């Protein structure tokens, strides 16, 4: 007998468990965090300081 067909949604979301996707997601998040830090630091040094608004 044939097995019941698996959920196509499960097959579609399998890509999110792929190691390449997770590494790429981590790298993008890491680069975004560095960019945000650089922008906030530069703003505090040379522009309008934002650290006063985060208290």
Protein backbone atom coordinates (compact mmCIF):
# COMPACT_ATOMS: atom_id res chain seq x y z
CA UNK A 1 0.00 0.00 0.00
CA UNK A 2 1.08 3.54 -0.49
CA UNK A 3 1.86 5.76 2.42
CA UNK A 4 -0.32 8.81 3.06
CA UNK A 5 0.98 11.93 1.40
CA UNK A 6 2.98 14.16 3.70
CA UNK A 7 2.00 17.73 4.25
CA UNK A 8 3.30 19.96 1.48
CA UNK A 9 3.51 22.77 4.01
CA UNK A 10 5.95 20.73 6.06
CA UNK A 11 8.05 20.17 2.95
CA UNK A 12 7.98 23.89 2.19
CA UNK A 13 9.13 24.90 5.66
CA UNK A 14 11.93 22.33 5.73
CA UNK A 15 14.22 24.93 4.18
CA UNK A 16 14.27 26.84 7.50
CA UNK A 17 16.06 23.89 9.18
CA UNK A 18 18.76 23.82 6.51
CA UNK A 19 22.19 24.64 8.01
CA UNK A 20 23.01 27.03 5.17
CA UNK A 21 19.87 29.04 5.83
CA UNK A 22 20.59 29.22 9.57
CA UNK A 23 24.19 30.34 9.03
CA UNK A 24 23.04 32.99 6.56
CA UNK A 25 20.36 34.17 8.98
CA UNK A 26 22.94 34.42 11.77
CA UNK A 27 25.40 36.34 9.57
CA UNK A 28 22.75 38.81 8.41
CA UNK A 29 21.61 39.39 12.00
CA UNK A 30 25.20 39.83 13.16
CA UNK A 31 25.98 42.33 10.40
CA UNK A 32 22.78 44.24 11.14
CA UNK A 33 23.71 44.44 14.82
CA UNK A 34 27.17 45.77 13.95
CA UNK A 35 25.64 48.33 11.61
CA UNK A 36 23.16 49.48 14.25
CA UNK A 37 25.97 49.80 16.79
CA UNK A 38 28.09 51.86 14.39
CA UNK A 39 25.16 54.15 13.56
CA UNK A 40 24.26 54.72 17.22
CA UNK A 41 27.87 55.25 18.23
CA UNK A 42 28.47 57.72 15.39
CA UNK A 43 25.27 59.55 16.24
CA UNK A 44 26.33 59.87 19.88
CA UNK A 45 29.77 61.15 18.87
CA UNK A 46 29.02 63.44 15.93
CA UNK A 47 25.28 64.01 15.82
CA UNK A 48 22.32 64.22 18.12
CA UNK A 49 22.93 61.76 20.98
CA UNK A 50 20.30 59.03 21.19
CA UNK A 51 21.45 57.50 24.44
CA UNK A 52 19.50 60.14 26.37
CA UNK A 53 16.26 58.80 24.88
CA UNK A 54 16.92 55.17 25.83
CA UNK A 55 16.80 55.69 29.59
